[in-house]
Amino acid sequence: MGLNVFIINSVARDVPMRETFKGVMPFFLAEIVRVVLLVAFPAISLLLPRLMG
């Protein structure tokens, strides 16, 4: 995620890095929630392979 922020910042040079990080923060928090859910309930990640066969 950090590399994407630096790429976005290099493309949009008129936007300060702080503003870019503010814009990305909701997506980062969603990513943290996703990882916590997968660690807490590992069966979630095994559901689709189990359904396939």
C-alpha atoms as a PDB file:
ATOM      1  CA  MET A   1       0.000   0.000   0.000  1.00  0.00           C
ATOM      2  CA  GLY A   2       2.861   2.381   0.712  1.00  0.00           C
ATOM      3  CA  LEU A   3       4.321   1.964  -2.764  1.00  0.00           C
ATOM      4  CA  ASN A   4       0.960   2.838  -4.294  1.00  0.00           C
ATOM      5  CA  VAL A   5       0.828   6.019  -2.212  1.00  0.00           C
ATOM      6  CA  PHE A   6       4.255   7.078  -3.454  1.00  0.00           C
ATOM      7  CA  ILE A   7       3.256   6.376  -7.073  1.00  0.00           C
ATOM      8  CA  ILE A   8       0.052   8.386  -6.671  1.00  0.00           C
ATOM      9  CA  ASN A   9       2.043  11.193  -5.119  1.00  0.00           C
ATOM     10  CA  SER A  10       4.538  11.220  -7.987  1.00  0.00           C
ATOM     11  CA  VAL A  11       1.706  11.416 -10.541  1.00  0.00           C
ATOM     12  CA  ALA A  12      -0.213  14.133  -8.660  1.00  0.00           C
ATOM     13  CA  ARG A  13       2.661  16.413  -7.741  1.00  0.00           C
ATOM     14  CA  ASP A  14       0.416  19.262  -6.599  1.00  0.00           C
ATOM     15  CA  VAL A  15      -1.112  17.116  -3.804  1.00  0.00           C
ATOM     16  CA  PRO A  16       0.953  16.939  -0.590  1.00  0.00           C
ATOM     17  CA  MET A  17       1.976  13.506   0.711  1.00  0.00           C
ATOM     18  CA  ARG A  18      -0.035  14.069   3.902  1.00  0.00           C
ATOM     19  CA  GLU A  19      -3.237  14.545   1.884  1.00  0.00           C
ATOM     20  CA  THR A  20      -2.529  11.387  -0.099  1.00  0.00           C
ATOM     21  CA  PHE A  21      -2.143   9.373   3.093  1.00  0.00           C
ATOM     22  CA  LYS A  22      -5.376  10.865   4.467  1.00  0.00           C
ATOM     23  CA  GLY A  23      -7.201   9.723   1.349  1.00  0.00           C
ATOM     24  CA  VAL A  24      -5.789   6.199   1.545  1.00  0.00           C
ATOM     25  CA  MET A  25      -6.415   5.723   5.268  1.00  0.00           C
ATOM     26  CA  PRO A  26      -9.990   4.286   4.971  1.00  0.00           C
ATOM     27  CA  PHE A  27      -8.700   1.637   2.558  1.00  0.00           C
ATOM     28  CA  PHE A  28      -5.801   0.863   4.887  1.00  0.00           C
ATOM     29  CA  LEU A  29      -8.174   0.423   7.823  1.00  0.00           C
ATOM     30  CA  ALA A  30     -10.359  -1.893   5.727  1.00  0.00           C
ATOM     31  CA  GLU A  31      -7.254  -3.938   4.923  1.00  0.00           C
ATOM     32  CA  ILE A  32      -6.429  -4.225   8.635  1.00  0.00           C
ATOM     33  CA  VAL A  33      -9.987  -5.406   9.378  1.00  0.00           C
ATOM     34  CA  ARG A  34      -9.702  -8.003   6.588  1.00  0.00           C
ATOM     35  CA  VAL A  35      -6.450  -9.389   7.964  1.00  0.00           C
ATOM     36  CA  VAL A  36      -7.829  -9.514  11.514  1.00  0.00           C
ATOM     37  CA  LEU A  37     -10.903 -11.424  10.291  1.00  0.00           C
ATOM     38  CA  LEU A  38      -8.766 -13.935   8.401  1.00  0.00           C
ATOM     39  CA  VAL A  39      -6.533 -14.491  11.417  1.00  0.00           C
ATOM     40  CA  ALA A  40      -9.479 -14.800  13.788  1.00  0.00           C
ATOM     41  CA  PHE A  41     -11.520 -17.057  11.493  1.00  0.00           C
ATOM     42  CA  PRO A  42      -9.190 -18.999   9.166  1.00  0.00           C
ATOM     43  CA  ALA A  43     -12.123 -21.067   7.879  1.00  0.00           C
ATOM     44  CA  ILE A  44     -13.159 -18.015   5.838  1.00  0.00           C
ATOM     45  CA  SER A  45     -10.113 -18.416   3.603  1.00  0.00           C
ATOM     46  CA  LEU A  46     -10.730 -22.143   3.216  1.00  0.00           C
ATOM     47  CA  LEU A  47     -14.393 -21.883   2.248  1.00  0.00           C
ATOM     48  CA  LEU A  48     -13.957 -21.470  -1.517  1.00  0.00           C
ATOM     49  CA  PRO A  49     -11.386 -24.278  -1.967  1.00  0.00           C
ATOM     50  CA  ARG A  50     -13.597 -26.541   0.113  1.00  0.00           C
ATOM     51  CA  LEU A  51     -16.596 -25.757  -2.112  1.00  0.00           C
ATOM     52  CA  MET A  52     -14.605 -26.460  -5.273  1.00  0.00           C
ATOM     53  CA  GLY A  53     -13.700 -29.922  -4.374  1.00  0.00           C
END
